[in-house]
């Protein structure tokens, strides 16, 4: 698969993953029973697997890796923060207020990751 095709797949997966996370977060805040549907339990894992697989394939093809490229290292740590914040928002937050705060933190981490990718600068949107 060509790099450009992988990049388009990756960017599409980023958009779908982010939109899906936001939707799940809003449904969680509304205590919606829709969150119990199979699609909301399975599809995020499928999309995130495509996202990770395309990222790894692009890194291999381009020979650009986290811990060798500062902007990719920043994306890696931003991703770890996004995962932790997202888990707190959707599953582990004890109160609705905590979950809402973690959801906001996760969305900010997501925005940071995207901004780092766009400008290829570890500061992302913080670069000014």
C-alpha atoms as a PDB file:
ATOM      1  CA  UNK A   1       0.000   0.000   0.000  1.00  0.00           C
ATOM      2  CA  UNK A   2       1.346   3.442  -0.877  1.00  0.00           C
ATOM      3  CA  UNK A   3       2.190   6.003   1.764  1.00  0.00           C
ATOM      4  CA  UNK A   4      -0.382   8.482   0.465  1.00  0.00           C
ATOM      5  CA  UNK A   5      -3.141   5.856   0.639  1.00  0.00           C
ATOM      6  CA  UNK A   6      -2.085   4.961   4.193  1.00  0.00           C
ATOM      7  CA  UNK A   7      -2.099   8.636   5.133  1.00  0.00           C
ATOM      8  CA  UNK A   8      -5.646   9.079   3.790  1.00  0.00           C
ATOM      9  CA  UNK A   9      -6.757   5.946   5.646  1.00  0.00           C
ATOM     10  CA  UNK A  10      -5.099   7.232   8.836  1.00  0.00           C
ATOM     11  CA  UNK A  11      -6.627  10.717   8.595  1.00  0.00           C
ATOM     12  CA  UNK A  12     -10.063   9.229   7.918  1.00  0.00           C
ATOM     13  CA  UNK A  13      -9.676   6.903  10.912  1.00  0.00           C
ATOM     14  CA  UNK A  14      -8.627   9.884  13.073  1.00  0.00           C
ATOM     15  CA  UNK A  15     -11.749  11.812  12.071  1.00  0.00           C
ATOM     16  CA  UNK A  16     -14.078   8.838  12.604  1.00  0.00           C
ATOM     17  CA  UNK A  17     -12.410   7.894  15.900  1.00  0.00           C
ATOM     18  CA  UNK A  18     -12.589  11.444  17.254  1.00  0.00           C
ATOM     19  CA  UNK A  19     -16.201  11.924  16.182  1.00  0.00           C
ATOM     20  CA  UNK A  20     -17.117   8.547  17.664  1.00  0.00           C
ATOM     21  CA  UNK A  21     -15.432   9.392  20.960  1.00  0.00           C
ATOM     22  CA  UNK A  22     -17.253  12.732  21.132  1.00  0.00           C
ATOM     23  CA  UNK A  23     -20.566  11.006  20.389  1.00  0.00           C
ATOM     24  CA  UNK A  24     -19.958   8.356  23.055  1.00  0.00           C
ATOM     25  CA  UNK A  25     -19.003  11.084  25.525  1.00  0.00           C
ATOM     26  CA  UNK A  26     -22.191  13.032  24.849  1.00  0.00           C
ATOM     27  CA  UNK A  27     -24.286   9.873  25.123  1.00  0.00           C
ATOM     28  CA  UNK A  28     -22.566   9.057  28.412  1.00  0.00           C
ATOM     29  CA  UNK A  29     -23.385  12.513  29.789  1.00  0.00           C
ATOM     30  CA  UNK A  30     -27.037  11.972  28.843  1.00  0.00           C
ATOM     31  CA  UNK A  31     -27.110   8.462  30.362  1.00  0.00           C
ATOM     32  CA  UNK A  32     -28.270   7.170  26.999  1.00  0.00           C
ATOM     33  CA  UNK A  33     -29.083   3.468  26.704  1.00  0.00           C
ATOM     34  CA  UNK A  34     -27.646   3.624  23.164  1.00  0.00           C
ATOM     35  CA  UNK A  35     -24.191   3.196  24.708  1.00  0.00           C
ATOM     36  CA  UNK A  36     -25.103  -0.396  25.501  1.00  0.00           C
ATOM     37  CA  UNK A  37     -25.572  -1.259  21.830  1.00  0.00           C
ATOM     38  CA  UNK A  38     -23.045  -3.597  20.283  1.00  0.00           C
ATOM     39  CA  UNK A  39     -21.954  -1.063  17.663  1.00  0.00           C
ATOM     40  CA  UNK A  40     -20.741   1.330  20.384  1.00  0.00           C
ATOM     41  CA  UNK A  41     -18.782  -1.467  22.048  1.00  0.00           C
ATOM     42  CA  UNK A  42     -17.149  -3.031  18.967  1.00  0.00           C
ATOM     43  CA  UNK A  43     -16.742  -0.320  16.308  1.00  0.00           C
ATOM     44  CA  UNK A  44     -14.355   1.915  18.317  1.00  0.00           C
ATOM     45  CA  UNK A  45     -11.924  -1.000  18.652  1.00  0.00           C
ATOM     46  CA  UNK A  46     -12.066  -1.722  14.917  1.00  0.00           C
ATOM     47  CA  UNK A  47     -11.499   1.925  14.008  1.00  0.00           C
ATOM     48  CA  UNK A  48      -8.671   2.343  16.532  1.00  0.00           C
ATOM     49  CA  UNK A  49      -6.994  -0.824  15.222  1.00  0.00           C
ATOM     50  CA  UNK A  50      -7.072   0.625  11.698  1.00  0.00           C
ATOM     51  CA  UNK A  51      -5.742   3.897  13.100  1.00  0.00           C
ATOM     52  CA  UNK A  52      -2.842   2.243  14.912  1.00  0.00           C
ATOM     53  CA  UNK A  53      -2.043  -0.103  12.037  1.00  0.00           C
ATOM     54  CA  UNK A  54      -1.923   2.718   9.508  1.00  0.00           C
ATOM     55  CA  UNK A  55       0.270   4.791  11.865  1.00  0.00           C
ATOM     56  CA  UNK A  56       2.756   1.951  12.285  1.00  0.00           C
ATOM     57  CA  UNK A  57       2.806   1.265   8.544  1.00  0.00           C
ATOM     58  CA  UNK A  58       3.446   4.958   7.772  1.00  0.00           C
ATOM     59  CA  UNK A  59       6.250   5.070  10.339  1.00  0.00           C
ATOM     60  CA  UNK A  60       7.909   2.031   8.786  1.00  0.00           C
ATOM     61  CA  UNK A  61       7.537   3.286   5.200  1.00  0.00           C
ATOM     62  CA  UNK A  62       8.800   6.790   6.038  1.00  0.00           C
ATOM     63  CA  UNK A  63      11.444   5.663   8.561  1.00  0.00           C
ATOM     64  CA  UNK A  64      10.118   8.247  11.022  1.00  0.00           C
ATOM     65  CA  UNK A  65       9.632   6.914  14.517  1.00  0.00           C
ATOM     66  CA  UNK A  66       8.675   8.185  17.972  1.00  0.00           C
ATOM     67  CA  UNK A  67      11.734   8.891  20.130  1.00  0.00           C
ATOM     68  CA  UNK A  68      13.675   9.648  16.918  1.00  0.00           C
ATOM     69  CA  UNK A  69      11.397  12.477  15.731  1.00  0.00           C
ATOM     70  CA  UNK A  70      10.340  14.949  18.456  1.00  0.00           C
ATOM     71  CA  UNK A  71       6.914  15.619  16.937  1.00  0.00           C
ATOM     72  CA  UNK A  72       6.129  11.888  16.793  1.00  0.00           C
ATOM     73  CA  UNK A  73       7.287  11.504  20.382  1.00  0.00           C
ATOM     74  CA  UNK A  74       4.875  14.298  21.342  1.00  0.00           C
ATOM     75  CA  UNK A  75       2.057  12.541  19.481  1.00  0.00           C
ATOM     76  CA  UNK A  76       2.875   9.293  21.293  1.00  0.00           C
ATOM     77  CA  UNK A  77       2.673  10.895  24.736  1.00  0.00           C
ATOM     78  CA  UNK A  78      -0.406  12.863  23.690  1.00  0.00           C
ATOM     79  CA  UNK A  79      -2.010   9.571  22.673  1.00  0.00           C
ATOM     80  CA  UNK A  80      -1.227   8.036  26.060  1.00  0.00           C
ATOM     81  CA  UNK A  81      -2.860  11.034  27.762  1.00  0.00           C
ATOM     82  CA  UNK A  82      -5.879  10.786  25.424  1.00  0.00           C
ATOM     83  CA  UNK A  83      -6.319   7.096  26.242  1.00  0.00           C
ATOM     84  CA  UNK A  84      -6.100   7.642  30.013  1.00  0.00           C
ATOM     85  CA  UNK A  85      -8.373  10.695  29.950  1.00  0.00           C
ATOM     86  CA  UNK A  86     -10.839   8.872  27.703  1.00  0.00           C
ATOM     87  CA  UNK A  87     -10.991   5.870  30.039  1.00  0.00           C
ATOM     88  CA  UNK A  88     -11.664   8.182  32.953  1.00  0.00           C
ATOM     89  CA  UNK A  89     -14.372   9.988  30.980  1.00  0.00           C
ATOM     90  CA  UNK A  90     -16.225   6.952  29.691  1.00  0.00           C
ATOM     91  CA  UNK A  91     -15.720   4.349  32.416  1.00  0.00           C
ATOM     92  CA  UNK A  92     -13.829   5.282  35.536  1.00  0.00           C
ATOM     93  CA  UNK A  93     -15.002   8.769  36.504  1.00  0.00           C
ATOM     94  CA  UNK A  94     -17.070   8.477  39.682  1.00  0.00           C
ATOM     95  CA  UNK A  95     -19.405  11.408  39.147  1.00  0.00           C
ATOM     96  CA  UNK A  96     -20.954  13.009  36.089  1.00  0.00           C
ATOM     97  CA  UNK A  97     -18.943  16.165  36.805  1.00  0.00           C
ATOM     98  CA  UNK A  98     -15.682  14.213  36.894  1.00  0.00           C
ATOM     99  CA  UNK A  99     -16.587  12.411  33.689  1.00  0.00           C
ATOM    100  CA  UNK A 100     -17.387  15.704  31.980  1.00  0.00           C
ATOM    101  CA  UNK A 101     -14.032  17.159  33.070  1.00  0.00           C
ATOM    102  CA  UNK A 102     -12.165  14.061  31.849  1.00  0.00           C
ATOM    103  CA  UNK A 103     -14.086  14.216  28.573  1.00  0.00           C
ATOM    104  CA  UNK A 104     -12.957  17.809  28.078  1.00  0.00           C
ATOM    105  CA  UNK A 105      -9.365  16.829  28.930  1.00  0.00           C
ATOM    106  CA  UNK A 106      -9.510  13.950  26.434  1.00  0.00           C
ATOM    107  CA  UNK A 107     -10.872  16.207  23.697  1.00  0.00           C
ATOM    108  CA  UNK A 108      -8.092  18.726  24.374  1.00  0.00           C
ATOM    109  CA  UNK A 109      -5.519  15.921  24.177  1.00  0.00           C
ATOM    110  CA  UNK A 110      -7.078  14.801  20.876  1.00  0.00           C
ATOM    111  CA  UNK A 111      -6.897  18.363  19.522  1.00  0.00           C
ATOM    112  CA  UNK A 112      -3.264  18.599  20.647  1.00  0.00           C
ATOM    113  CA  UNK A 113      -2.371  15.353  18.852  1.00  0.00           C
ATOM    114  CA  UNK A 114      -4.011  16.556  15.631  1.00  0.00           C
ATOM    115  CA  UNK A 115      -2.293  19.938  15.878  1.00  0.00           C
ATOM    116  CA  UNK A 116       1.107  18.300  16.371  1.00  0.00           C
ATOM    117  CA  UNK A 117       0.490  16.180  13.273  1.00  0.00           C
ATOM    118  CA  UNK A 118      -0.519  19.216  11.218  1.00  0.00           C
ATOM    119  CA  UNK A 119       2.445  21.423  12.121  1.00  0.00           C
ATOM    120  CA  UNK A 120       4.969  18.669  12.903  1.00  0.00           C
ATOM    121  CA  UNK A 121       6.021  20.588  15.978  1.00  0.00           C
ATOM    122  CA  UNK A 122       5.940  19.052  19.478  1.00  0.00           C
ATOM    123  CA  UNK A 123       4.174  22.173  20.771  1.00  0.00           C
ATOM    124  CA  UNK A 124       1.293  21.771  18.330  1.00  0.00           C
ATOM    125  CA  UNK A 125      -1.346  24.461  18.871  1.00  0.00           C
ATOM    126  CA  UNK A 126       0.719  25.717  21.796  1.00  0.00           C
ATOM    127  CA  UNK A 127       3.448  26.879  19.381  1.00  0.00           C
ATOM    128  CA  UNK A 128       1.489  30.069  18.754  1.00  0.00           C
END
